[in-house]
Structures are given as structure tokens and as C-alpha cells.
Amino acid sequence: MSRPRILAFSGSARRESFNQRLVEYAAGITAARGADVTVVNLRDFPMPIMNQDLEREEGPPEHALRLKALLVEHDGILLSAPEYNASITPLLKNSLDWVSRRCDDEPPMASYRGKTAALLSASPGRLGGLRGLVHVRAVLNNLGVLVLPNQVSIAAAAKAFDDEGRLVNDFDIDRVASLADDLVDTLERLA
């Protein structure tokens, strides 16, 4: 059996993003559990705001096509999504929207169908970005992604990591490890 291939990214482009730190940490654990994990930063995929007129006149942006190709190559998604005003970030929503667009004769939602996702979030607040994950889950489900019921939200994120980007709380470490196990196990069962 081949190792599951997982694309890991966050919904934040901030230089000191807690969510990028969290997804990188979780990616390391997921790789140790037997997956091939590719970590990307959406900052490296700048795209204009999704607009069908722009798409019709200029075609999809190069970075949307690059991100779409990466998604197509992978079996699963490991996503850490910050919460902006109790919802999904504009960066993440725009990226998901551009990647959802059909190219040529491909089937609808070709980059999302058959994918399985695990969700995480980190926030300085007490809920750890939990409210935003409700919206992220709804969007991914609508795109045809199987989203695992287990998810991890890290509260007080400014104190949750050491200088090396590792989680410091054993409870949080165990929850991320459990999520990594769930994602790898689910992808292996679905293969």
C-alpha cells in the first residue's frame, strides 16, 4: 500500500501566523504517522479576488492552477484555519473558490472530490478559532470533501508554542497526534 499524500496549509499569510505554525507542527506529526506531507503557504499563491468576468477575460490565475495541481496530486488535506470575525478568512475562501473552478473538460470540483480533510485552528482567544471552523467545514463539505469529525482548536495561541514552533501543552500535543492518526488511518482505509 502506498503512503497517503497530504497537502498541508493554513488560511493565513501572516508572517508570524499561529495557524501556519500549527499546520507545520501537525504536518510533522502526520508524516511521522506514515504519510507523505507537502506543506505550502498560501502567501506563495497570490490571487486576485474571484471574479467570473476576470476568469472569462484572462483565464484562471497561474497561482490558482498551481494550487489546484497540488490538490489534485494529494489524497488529503491538513488545514489550519484562523477565525476572522467568527468565520473563514478571505484568503482561504478566495483560494478555495479559484481552485474549485472547472478547466477544460474536467468534472465539477475535480480538485476536491474524493479528498479527506482534517481541520485545526489556533487563536489568541479562549475558543481557539473554533467558530470559524464551522464555516470552513461547511464550505469543504459543499465542495465534496469528506471532513473528519475530529478537529483541534488551540486557545491562547500566543503561549501555545515554544521558540521552535512546537506545542508546549501535553493535552494539545495529544489532540494533534490523534487527529494525525485519524487522517492517516482514514486515507489508508479509503485507498
N, C-alpha and C. Protein backbone atom coordinates (compact mmCIF):
# COMPACT_ATOMS: atom_id res chain seq x y z
N MET A 1 0.84 -1.18 0.00
CA MET A 1 0.00 0.00 0.00
C MET A 1 0.89 1.24 0.00
N SER A 2 0.57 2.21 -0.86
CA SER A 2 1.36 3.43 -0.89
C SER A 2 0.96 4.35 0.26
N ARG A 3 1.86 5.22 0.61
CA ARG A 3 1.62 6.14 1.71
C ARG A 3 0.62 7.22 1.27
N PRO A 4 -0.31 7.60 2.13
CA PRO A 4 -1.23 8.68 1.77
C PRO A 4 -0.46 9.98 1.54
N ARG A 5 -0.90 10.74 0.54
CA ARG A 5 -0.29 12.03 0.22
C ARG A 5 -1.21 13.13 0.73
N ILE A 6 -0.66 14.01 1.56
CA ILE A 6 -1.46 15.04 2.23
C ILE A 6 -0.86 16.41 1.94
N LEU A 7 -1.72 17.33 1.54
CA LEU A 7 -1.33 18.72 1.34
C LEU A 7 -1.71 19.50 2.60
N ALA A 8 -0.73 20.17 3.20
CA ALA A 8 -0.94 20.89 4.45
C ALA A 8 -0.73 22.38 4.22
N PHE A 9 -1.69 23.18 4.70
CA PHE A 9 -1.57 24.64 4.60
C PHE A 9 -2.48 25.30 5.61
N SER A 10 -2.29 26.58 5.79
CA SER A 10 -3.17 27.34 6.68
C SER A 10 -3.91 28.38 5.87
N GLY A 11 -4.92 28.96 6.49
CA GLY A 11 -5.69 30.01 5.85
C GLY A 11 -5.17 31.39 6.18
N SER A 12 -3.90 31.48 6.53
CA SER A 12 -3.30 32.76 6.91
C SER A 12 -1.99 32.98 6.16
N ALA A 13 -1.75 34.22 5.77
CA ALA A 13 -0.49 34.57 5.13
C ALA A 13 0.37 35.45 6.05
N ARG A 14 -0.08 35.66 7.28
CA ARG A 14 0.67 36.50 8.22
C ARG A 14 2.02 35.86 8.52
N ARG A 15 3.06 36.67 8.57
CA ARG A 15 4.42 36.15 8.78
C ARG A 15 4.55 35.32 10.05
N GLU A 16 3.96 35.75 11.13
CA GLU A 16 4.05 35.04 12.40
C GLU A 16 2.74 34.29 12.72
N SER A 17 2.12 33.77 11.70
CA SER A 17 0.81 33.12 11.84
C SER A 17 0.85 31.93 12.79
N PHE A 18 -0.04 31.96 13.77
CA PHE A 18 -0.18 30.81 14.67
C PHE A 18 -0.67 29.59 13.89
N ASN A 19 -1.52 29.82 12.91
CA ASN A 19 -2.09 28.72 12.15
C ASN A 19 -1.08 28.08 11.21
N GLN A 20 -0.20 28.87 10.61
CA GLN A 20 0.85 28.28 9.79
C GLN A 20 1.80 27.48 10.69
N ARG A 21 2.09 28.02 11.85
CA ARG A 21 2.93 27.29 12.81
C ARG A 21 2.27 25.97 13.21
N LEU A 22 0.97 26.03 13.47
CA LEU A 22 0.24 24.82 13.88
C LEU A 22 0.20 23.78 12.77
N VAL A 23 -0.07 24.20 11.54
CA VAL A 23 -0.15 23.22 10.46
C VAL A 23 1.22 22.62 10.17
N GLU A 24 2.28 23.40 10.32
CA GLU A 24 3.63 22.84 10.13
C GLU A 24 3.95 21.82 11.22
N TYR A 25 3.57 22.13 12.45
CA TYR A 25 3.76 21.18 13.54
C TYR A 25 2.96 19.90 13.29
N ALA A 26 1.68 20.07 12.95
CA ALA A 26 0.81 18.91 12.69
C ALA A 26 1.30 18.10 11.50
N ALA A 27 1.86 18.77 10.51
CA ALA A 27 2.39 18.07 9.33
C ALA A 27 3.54 17.15 9.73
N GLY A 28 4.39 17.61 10.63
CA GLY A 28 5.49 16.76 11.10
C GLY A 28 4.98 15.51 11.79
N ILE A 29 3.98 15.66 12.62
CA ILE A 29 3.39 14.51 13.31
C ILE A 29 2.71 13.57 12.30
N THR A 30 2.01 14.16 11.34
CA THR A 30 1.31 13.35 10.33
C THR A 30 2.30 12.57 9.48
N ALA A 31 3.42 13.19 9.14
CA ALA A 31 4.46 12.48 8.38
C ALA A 31 5.03 11.33 9.21
N ALA A 32 5.21 11.57 10.50
CA ALA A 32 5.74 10.52 11.37
C ALA A 32 4.76 9.35 11.50
N ARG A 33 3.49 9.60 11.21
CA ARG A 33 2.46 8.57 11.28
C ARG A 33 2.34 7.78 9.97
N GLY A 34 3.15 8.13 8.99
CA GLY A 34 3.19 7.32 7.77
C GLY A 34 2.66 7.97 6.51
N ALA A 35 2.51 9.28 6.51
CA ALA A 35 2.01 9.97 5.31
C ALA A 35 3.13 10.77 4.65
N ASP A 36 2.99 10.98 3.36
CA ASP A 36 3.86 11.92 2.65
C ASP A 36 3.15 13.26 2.68
N VAL A 37 3.73 14.23 3.37
CA VAL A 37 3.08 15.52 3.59
C VAL A 37 3.84 16.62 2.88
N THR A 38 3.10 17.42 2.12
CA THR A 38 3.65 18.60 1.45
C THR A 38 3.06 19.81 2.14
N VAL A 39 3.92 20.67 2.70
CA VAL A 39 3.46 21.89 3.37
C VAL A 39 3.66 23.07 2.43
N VAL A 40 2.60 23.85 2.25
CA VAL A 40 2.69 25.07 1.46
C VAL A 40 2.14 26.23 2.29
N ASN A 41 2.45 27.43 1.82
CA ASN A 41 1.95 28.65 2.45
C ASN A 41 1.16 29.40 1.40
N LEU A 42 -0.08 29.73 1.68
CA LEU A 42 -0.91 30.42 0.70
C LEU A 42 -0.34 31.78 0.30
N ARG A 43 0.56 32.30 1.09
CA ARG A 43 1.26 33.55 0.73
C ARG A 43 2.00 33.38 -0.60
N ASP A 44 2.41 32.16 -0.91
CA ASP A 44 3.14 31.87 -2.14
C ASP A 44 2.22 31.66 -3.34
N PHE A 45 0.91 31.83 -3.13
CA PHE A 45 -0.08 31.65 -4.20
C PHE A 45 -1.01 32.87 -4.27
N PRO A 46 -0.45 34.06 -4.50
CA PRO A 46 -1.32 35.25 -4.53
C PRO A 46 -2.27 35.22 -5.73
N MET A 47 -3.53 35.56 -5.46
CA MET A 47 -4.56 35.54 -6.50
C MET A 47 -5.47 36.75 -6.34
N PRO A 48 -5.99 37.25 -7.45
CA PRO A 48 -6.99 38.32 -7.33
C PRO A 48 -8.28 37.76 -6.73
N ILE A 49 -9.14 38.66 -6.28
CA ILE A 49 -10.44 38.23 -5.78
C ILE A 49 -11.18 37.51 -6.91
N MET A 50 -11.77 36.37 -6.58
CA MET A 50 -12.50 35.58 -7.58
C MET A 50 -13.57 36.44 -8.25
N ASN A 51 -13.54 36.42 -9.59
CA ASN A 51 -14.45 37.23 -10.38
C ASN A 51 -14.63 36.52 -11.71
N GLN A 52 -15.84 36.14 -12.04
CA GLN A 52 -16.08 35.38 -13.27
C GLN A 52 -15.76 36.19 -14.52
N ASP A 53 -15.91 37.51 -14.47
CA ASP A 53 -15.52 38.33 -15.62
C ASP A 53 -14.02 38.23 -15.84
N LEU A 54 -13.26 38.34 -14.77
CA LEU A 54 -11.80 38.21 -14.86
C LEU A 54 -11.43 36.83 -15.37
N GLU A 55 -12.09 35.81 -14.85
CA GLU A 55 -11.81 34.44 -15.29
C GLU A 55 -12.10 34.27 -16.79
N ARG A 56 -13.21 34.81 -17.24
CA ARG A 56 -13.58 34.69 -18.66
C ARG A 56 -12.62 35.47 -19.56
N GLU A 57 -12.19 36.65 -19.12
CA GLU A 57 -11.33 37.51 -19.94
C GLU A 57 -9.86 37.10 -19.91
N GLU A 58 -9.39 36.63 -18.77
CA GLU A 58 -7.96 36.34 -18.62
C GLU A 58 -7.65 34.88 -18.32
N GLY A 59 -8.68 34.11 -17.99
CA GLY A 59 -8.45 32.73 -17.58
C GLY A 59 -8.09 32.67 -16.11
N PRO A 60 -7.98 31.48 -15.59
CA PRO A 60 -7.64 31.35 -14.16
C PRO A 60 -6.22 31.84 -13.91
N PRO A 61 -5.97 32.43 -12.74
CA PRO A 61 -4.62 32.88 -12.40
C PRO A 61 -3.65 31.70 -12.34
N GLU A 62 -2.42 31.97 -12.70
CA GLU A 62 -1.37 30.95 -12.68
C GLU A 62 -1.26 30.28 -11.31
N HIS A 63 -1.34 31.09 -10.23
CA HIS A 63 -1.19 30.52 -8.88
C HIS A 63 -2.38 29.63 -8.51
N ALA A 64 -3.56 29.94 -9.03
CA ALA A 64 -4.72 29.07 -8.80
C ALA A 64 -4.50 27.72 -9.46
N LEU A 65 -3.95 27.74 -10.66
CA LEU A 65 -3.68 26.49 -11.37
C LEU A 65 -2.60 25.68 -10.66
N ARG A 66 -1.59 26.36 -10.12
CA ARG A 66 -0.53 25.67 -9.37
C ARG A 66 -1.09 25.00 -8.11
N LEU A 67 -1.92 25.76 -7.37
CA LEU A 67 -2.50 25.21 -6.15
C LEU A 67 -3.46 24.08 -6.48
N LYS A 68 -4.21 24.24 -7.54
CA LYS A 68 -5.14 23.19 -7.97
C LYS A 68 -4.38 21.91 -8.32
N ALA A 69 -3.28 22.04 -9.03
CA ALA A 69 -2.48 20.87 -9.39
C ALA A 69 -1.97 20.15 -8.15
N LEU A 70 -1.58 20.91 -7.14
CA LEU A 70 -1.14 20.30 -5.89
C LEU A 70 -2.27 19.53 -5.22
N LEU A 71 -3.44 20.12 -5.17
CA LEU A 71 -4.58 19.44 -4.57
C LEU A 71 -4.92 18.16 -5.30
N VAL A 72 -4.89 18.21 -6.62
CA VAL A 72 -5.21 17.02 -7.42
C VAL A 72 -4.22 15.89 -7.12
N GLU A 73 -2.96 16.22 -6.89
CA GLU A 73 -1.92 15.22 -6.63
C GLU A 73 -2.03 14.55 -5.26
N HIS A 74 -2.77 15.15 -4.35
CA HIS A 74 -2.81 14.67 -2.97
C HIS A 74 -4.15 14.01 -2.65
N ASP A 75 -4.10 13.09 -1.67
CA ASP A 75 -5.30 12.37 -1.24
C ASP A 75 -6.06 13.12 -0.17
N GLY A 76 -5.34 13.87 0.64
CA GLY A 76 -5.96 14.52 1.78
C GLY A 76 -5.45 15.93 1.99
N ILE A 77 -6.15 16.61 2.90
CA ILE A 77 -5.84 18.00 3.23
C ILE A 77 -5.71 18.12 4.74
N LEU A 78 -4.65 18.75 5.17
CA LEU A 78 -4.47 19.11 6.58
C LEU A 78 -4.50 20.63 6.61
N LEU A 79 -5.54 21.20 7.21
CA LEU A 79 -5.80 22.63 7.11
C LEU A 79 -5.96 23.26 8.47
N SER A 80 -5.16 24.29 8.74
CA SER A 80 -5.32 25.08 9.95
C SER A 80 -5.88 26.43 9.54
N ALA A 81 -7.08 26.72 10.03
CA ALA A 81 -7.82 27.89 9.55
C ALA A 81 -8.06 28.89 10.67
N PRO A 82 -7.50 30.08 10.54
CA PRO A 82 -7.80 31.11 11.54
C PRO A 82 -9.24 31.58 11.42
N GLU A 83 -9.69 32.20 12.47
CA GLU A 83 -11.06 32.73 12.51
C GLU A 83 -11.01 34.24 12.35
N TYR A 84 -11.71 34.74 11.36
CA TYR A 84 -11.86 36.19 11.18
C TYR A 84 -13.32 36.53 11.42
N ASN A 85 -13.60 37.27 12.48
CA ASN A 85 -14.96 37.66 12.82
C ASN A 85 -15.90 36.47 12.82
N ALA A 86 -15.48 35.39 13.46
CA ALA A 86 -16.26 34.17 13.65
C ALA A 86 -16.51 33.43 12.35
N SER A 87 -15.66 33.60 11.35
CA SER A 87 -15.88 32.93 10.06
C SER A 87 -14.54 32.61 9.40
N ILE A 88 -14.63 32.25 8.13
CA ILE A 88 -13.50 31.86 7.29
C ILE A 88 -12.72 33.10 6.84
N THR A 89 -11.42 32.98 6.69
CA THR A 89 -10.62 34.12 6.23
C THR A 89 -10.85 34.38 4.75
N PRO A 90 -10.76 35.64 4.32
CA PRO A 90 -10.91 35.95 2.89
C PRO A 90 -9.87 35.22 2.03
N LEU A 91 -8.63 35.12 2.53
CA LEU A 91 -7.57 34.43 1.78
C LEU A 91 -7.95 32.98 1.52
N LEU A 92 -8.41 32.30 2.54
CA LEU A 92 -8.76 30.88 2.38
C LEU A 92 -9.95 30.72 1.46
N LYS A 93 -11.00 31.51 1.67
CA LYS A 93 -12.20 31.39 0.83
C LYS A 93 -11.88 31.68 -0.62
N ASN A 94 -11.10 32.71 -0.88
CA ASN A 94 -10.74 33.05 -2.25
C ASN A 94 -9.92 31.94 -2.90
N SER A 95 -8.99 31.37 -2.16
CA SER A 95 -8.17 30.28 -2.69
C SER A 95 -9.04 29.06 -3.01
N LEU A 96 -9.93 28.70 -2.09
CA LEU A 96 -10.82 27.57 -2.33
C LEU A 96 -11.72 27.83 -3.53
N ASP A 97 -12.20 29.05 -3.67
CA ASP A 97 -13.07 29.39 -4.80
C ASP A 97 -12.35 29.28 -6.14
N TRP A 98 -11.16 29.86 -6.24
CA TRP A 98 -10.43 29.79 -7.50
C TRP A 98 -10.11 28.34 -7.88
N VAL A 99 -9.70 27.55 -6.90
CA VAL A 99 -9.32 26.16 -7.17
C VAL A 99 -10.54 25.32 -7.55
N SER A 100 -11.73 25.76 -7.16
CA SER A 100 -12.94 25.00 -7.47
C SER A 100 -13.38 25.15 -8.93
N ARG A 101 -12.85 26.12 -9.64
CA ARG A 101 -13.31 26.42 -11.00
C ARG A 101 -12.89 25.32 -11.98
N ARG A 102 -13.79 24.98 -12.87
CA ARG A 102 -13.53 23.93 -13.88
C ARG A 102 -12.58 24.45 -14.95
N CYS A 103 -11.73 23.59 -15.38
CA CYS A 103 -10.84 23.87 -16.51
C CYS A 103 -11.10 22.82 -17.59
N ASP A 104 -11.27 23.28 -18.79
CA ASP A 104 -11.47 22.39 -19.94
C ASP A 104 -12.62 21.41 -19.69
N ASP A 105 -12.35 20.13 -19.88
CA ASP A 105 -13.41 19.11 -19.78
C ASP A 105 -13.40 18.34 -18.46
N GLU A 106 -12.72 18.87 -17.46
CA GLU A 106 -12.66 18.15 -16.19
C GLU A 106 -14.03 18.14 -15.52
N PRO A 107 -14.29 17.14 -14.68
CA PRO A 107 -15.58 17.10 -13.98
C PRO A 107 -15.67 18.22 -12.93
N PRO A 108 -16.87 18.56 -12.51
CA PRO A 108 -17.03 19.59 -11.49
C PRO A 108 -16.28 19.22 -10.21
N MET A 109 -15.69 20.20 -9.60
CA MET A 109 -14.98 20.05 -8.32
C MET A 109 -13.88 18.98 -8.36
N ALA A 110 -13.23 18.88 -9.49
CA ALA A 110 -12.22 17.84 -9.70
C ALA A 110 -11.11 17.87 -8.65
N SER A 111 -10.77 19.04 -8.16
CA SER A 111 -9.67 19.12 -7.20
C SER A 111 -10.09 18.76 -5.78
N TYR A 112 -11.39 18.64 -5.53
CA TYR A 112 -11.88 18.36 -4.18
C TYR A 112 -12.54 16.99 -4.02
N ARG A 113 -13.12 16.47 -5.08
CA ARG A 113 -13.83 15.19 -4.98
C ARG A 113 -12.88 14.08 -4.55
N GLY A 114 -13.35 13.30 -3.59
CA GLY A 114 -12.55 12.17 -3.11
C GLY A 114 -11.50 12.55 -2.09
N LYS A 115 -11.43 13.82 -1.72
CA LYS A 115 -10.44 14.25 -0.72
C LYS A 115 -11.01 14.11 0.69
N THR A 116 -10.12 13.91 1.63
CA THR A 116 -10.46 13.87 3.05
C THR A 116 -9.64 14.95 3.74
N ALA A 117 -10.29 15.70 4.63
CA ALA A 117 -9.61 16.81 5.30
C ALA A 117 -9.68 16.67 6.81
N ALA A 118 -8.63 17.15 7.45
CA ALA A 118 -8.59 17.30 8.91
C ALA A 118 -8.39 18.78 9.20
N LEU A 119 -9.16 19.30 10.16
CA LEU A 119 -9.16 20.73 10.45
C LEU A 119 -8.54 21.04 11.81
N LEU A 120 -7.79 22.13 11.81
CA LEU A 120 -7.21 22.67 13.03
C LEU A 120 -7.42 24.18 13.02
N SER A 121 -7.25 24.79 14.18
CA SER A 121 -7.24 26.24 14.26
C SER A 121 -6.48 26.65 15.50
N ALA A 122 -5.98 27.88 15.47
CA ALA A 122 -5.29 28.45 16.62
C ALA A 122 -5.66 29.92 16.69
N SER A 123 -5.85 30.39 17.91
CA SER A 123 -6.24 31.78 18.10
C SER A 123 -5.78 32.25 19.47
N PRO A 124 -5.49 33.53 19.59
CA PRO A 124 -5.16 34.07 20.92
C PRO A 124 -6.34 34.01 21.88
N GLY A 125 -7.55 33.90 21.35
CA GLY A 125 -8.75 33.87 22.17
C GLY A 125 -8.97 32.55 22.87
N ARG A 126 -10.02 32.52 23.70
CA ARG A 126 -10.32 31.34 24.51
C ARG A 126 -10.93 30.19 23.73
N LEU A 127 -11.54 30.49 22.57
CA LEU A 127 -12.16 29.42 21.78
C LEU A 127 -11.22 28.82 20.75
N GLY A 128 -10.07 29.40 20.56
CA GLY A 128 -9.06 28.82 19.67
C GLY A 128 -9.43 28.82 18.20
N GLY A 129 -10.35 29.70 17.79
CA GLY A 129 -10.75 29.73 16.38
C GLY A 129 -11.85 28.76 16.04
N LEU A 130 -12.46 28.17 17.02
CA LEU A 130 -13.47 27.13 16.84
C LEU A 130 -14.65 27.59 15.99
N ARG A 131 -15.13 28.83 16.19
CA ARG A 131 -16.31 29.30 15.45
C ARG A 131 -16.04 29.36 13.94
N GLY A 132 -14.83 29.71 13.54
CA GLY A 132 -14.50 29.76 12.12
C GLY A 132 -14.50 28.39 11.47
N LEU A 133 -14.15 27.36 12.23
CA LEU A 133 -14.10 26.01 11.66
C LEU A 133 -15.47 25.51 11.23
N VAL A 134 -16.52 26.02 11.86
CA VAL A 134 -17.88 25.64 11.45
C VAL A 134 -18.09 26.04 9.99
N HIS A 135 -17.65 27.23 9.62
CA HIS A 135 -17.82 27.72 8.25
C HIS A 135 -16.87 27.01 7.28
N VAL A 136 -15.63 26.78 7.72
CA VAL A 136 -14.68 26.07 6.87
C VAL A 136 -15.20 24.67 6.56
N ARG A 137 -15.71 24.00 7.58
CA ARG A 137 -16.27 22.65 7.42
C ARG A 137 -17.42 22.67 6.41
N ALA A 138 -18.30 23.66 6.53
CA ALA A 138 -19.45 23.76 5.63
C ALA A 138 -19.00 23.97 4.18
N VAL A 139 -18.02 24.85 3.97
CA VAL A 139 -17.53 25.11 2.62
C VAL A 139 -16.90 23.85 2.04
N LEU A 140 -16.03 23.20 2.79
CA LEU A 140 -15.36 21.99 2.28
C LEU A 140 -16.36 20.88 2.00
N ASN A 141 -17.32 20.69 2.89
CA ASN A 141 -18.35 19.67 2.64
C ASN A 141 -19.09 19.97 1.35
N ASN A 142 -19.43 21.21 1.12
CA ASN A 142 -20.14 21.60 -0.10
C ASN A 142 -19.30 21.35 -1.35
N LEU A 143 -17.99 21.44 -1.22
CA LEU A 143 -17.08 21.19 -2.34
C LEU A 143 -16.87 19.69 -2.58
N GLY A 144 -17.43 18.85 -1.72
CA GLY A 144 -17.31 17.41 -1.89
C GLY A 144 -16.22 16.76 -1.07
N VAL A 145 -15.63 17.50 -0.13
CA VAL A 145 -14.55 16.98 0.71
C VAL A 145 -15.16 16.29 1.93
N LEU A 146 -14.66 15.11 2.25
CA LEU A 146 -15.02 14.43 3.49
C LEU A 146 -14.19 15.07 4.60
N VAL A 147 -14.84 15.73 5.54
CA VAL A 147 -14.13 16.40 6.64
C VAL A 147 -14.28 15.54 7.89
N LEU A 148 -13.16 15.16 8.47
CA LEU A 148 -13.20 14.32 9.67
C LEU A 148 -13.95 15.02 10.79
N PRO A 149 -14.72 14.28 11.58
CA PRO A 149 -15.45 14.91 12.68
C PRO A 149 -14.54 15.44 13.77
N ASN A 150 -13.43 14.77 14.00
CA ASN A 150 -12.45 15.22 14.99
C ASN A 150 -11.75 16.46 14.47
N GLN A 151 -11.58 17.49 15.30
CA GLN A 151 -10.83 18.69 14.92
C GLN A 151 -10.12 19.21 16.15
N VAL A 152 -9.14 20.10 15.94
CA VAL A 152 -8.36 20.63 17.05
C VAL A 152 -8.36 22.15 16.99
N SER A 153 -8.70 22.77 18.11
CA SER A 153 -8.62 24.22 18.25
C SER A 153 -7.69 24.53 19.42
N ILE A 154 -6.70 25.36 19.16
CA ILE A 154 -5.71 25.71 20.18
C ILE A 154 -6.01 27.13 20.66
N ALA A 155 -6.40 27.25 21.92
CA ALA A 155 -6.67 28.56 22.53
C ALA A 155 -5.37 29.16 23.07
N ALA A 156 -5.40 30.46 23.34
CA ALA A 156 -4.24 31.17 23.89
C ALA A 156 -2.99 30.86 23.08
N ALA A 157 -3.11 30.96 21.76
CA ALA A 157 -2.04 30.52 20.85
C ALA A 157 -0.72 31.26 21.06
N ALA A 158 -0.76 32.46 21.58
CA ALA A 158 0.49 33.20 21.81
C ALA A 158 1.38 32.50 22.83
N LYS A 159 0.78 31.65 23.66
CA LYS A 159 1.54 30.92 24.68
C LYS A 159 1.61 29.43 24.39
N ALA A 160 1.04 28.99 23.26
CA ALA A 160 0.90 27.55 22.99
C ALA A 160 2.14 26.91 22.38
N PHE A 161 3.07 27.72 21.84
CA PHE A 161 4.22 27.19 21.12
C PHE A 161 5.52 27.62 21.80
N ASP A 162 6.55 26.77 21.69
CA ASP A 162 7.87 27.17 22.15
C ASP A 162 8.59 27.91 21.02
N ASP A 163 9.83 28.29 21.23
CA ASP A 163 10.59 29.06 20.23
C ASP A 163 10.86 28.27 18.96
N GLU A 164 10.76 26.94 19.03
CA GLU A 164 10.99 26.08 17.87
C GLU A 164 9.71 25.77 17.10
N GLY A 165 8.57 26.33 17.55
CA GLY A 165 7.30 26.09 16.87
C GLY A 165 6.58 24.84 17.30
N ARG A 166 7.01 24.25 18.42
CA ARG A 166 6.36 23.04 18.94
C ARG A 166 5.32 23.43 19.99
N LEU A 167 4.25 22.66 20.04
CA LEU A 167 3.26 22.87 21.09
C LEU A 167 3.87 22.51 22.45
N VAL A 168 3.46 23.23 23.47
CA VAL A 168 4.05 23.01 24.80
C VAL A 168 3.11 22.26 25.74
N ASN A 169 1.82 22.23 25.46
CA ASN A 169 0.84 21.61 26.34
C ASN A 169 0.61 20.16 25.91
N ASP A 170 0.79 19.22 26.84
CA ASP A 170 0.63 17.80 26.51
C ASP A 170 -0.76 17.48 25.98
N PHE A 171 -1.79 18.13 26.50
CA PHE A 171 -3.15 17.90 26.04
C PHE A 171 -3.28 18.28 24.56
N ASP A 172 -2.72 19.44 24.19
CA ASP A 172 -2.76 19.87 22.79
C ASP A 172 -1.95 18.94 21.90
N ILE A 173 -0.80 18.53 22.37
CA ILE A 173 0.05 17.61 21.61
C ILE A 173 -0.69 16.30 21.33
N ASP A 174 -1.35 15.76 22.37
CA ASP A 174 -2.11 14.51 22.21
C ASP A 174 -3.26 14.68 21.23
N ARG A 175 -3.95 15.82 21.26
CA ARG A 175 -5.07 16.04 20.35
C ARG A 175 -4.60 16.14 18.90
N VAL A 176 -3.48 16.81 18.66
CA VAL A 176 -2.95 16.91 17.29
C VAL A 176 -2.50 15.53 16.81
N ALA A 177 -1.86 14.76 17.69
CA ALA A 177 -1.43 13.41 17.32
C ALA A 177 -2.64 12.53 16.99
N SER A 178 -3.71 12.65 17.75
CA SER A 178 -4.92 11.87 17.49
C SER A 178 -5.54 12.26 16.14
N LEU A 179 -5.55 13.55 15.84
CA LEU A 179 -6.07 14.00 14.55
C LEU A 179 -5.22 13.47 13.40
N ALA A 180 -3.90 13.51 13.58
CA ALA A 180 -2.99 12.97 12.56
C ALA A 180 -3.25 11.48 12.34
N ASP A 181 -3.42 10.75 13.42
CA ASP A 181 -3.73 9.32 13.32
C ASP A 181 -5.04 9.10 12.56
N ASP A 182 -6.06 9.88 12.91
CA ASP A 182 -7.36 9.75 12.25
C ASP A 182 -7.26 10.00 10.75
N LEU A 183 -6.52 11.04 10.37
CA LEU A 183 -6.41 11.38 8.95
C LEU A 183 -5.67 10.29 8.19
N VAL A 184 -4.54 9.86 8.71
CA VAL A 184 -3.76 8.82 8.02
C VAL A 184 -4.56 7.52 7.96
N ASP A 185 -5.19 7.14 9.07
CA ASP A 185 -5.97 5.89 9.10
C ASP A 185 -7.14 5.96 8.11
N THR A 186 -7.84 7.06 8.07
CA THR A 186 -8.97 7.20 7.14
C THR A 186 -8.51 7.12 5.71
N LEU A 187 -7.43 7.80 5.37
CA LEU A 187 -6.93 7.77 3.99
C LEU A 187 -6.46 6.37 3.61
N GLU A 188 -5.84 5.66 4.53
CA GLU A 188 -5.40 4.30 4.22
C GLU A 188 -6.60 3.38 4.00
N ARG A 189 -7.65 3.56 4.79
CA ARG A 189 -8.86 2.73 4.63
C ARG A 189 -9.59 3.03 3.33
N LEU A 190 -9.54 4.30 2.90
CA LEU A 190 -10.24 4.68 1.68
C LEU A 190 -9.46 4.34 0.41
N ALA A 191 -8.17 4.07 0.56
CA ALA A 191 -7.32 3.80 -0.62
C ALA A 191 -7.71 2.51 -1.32
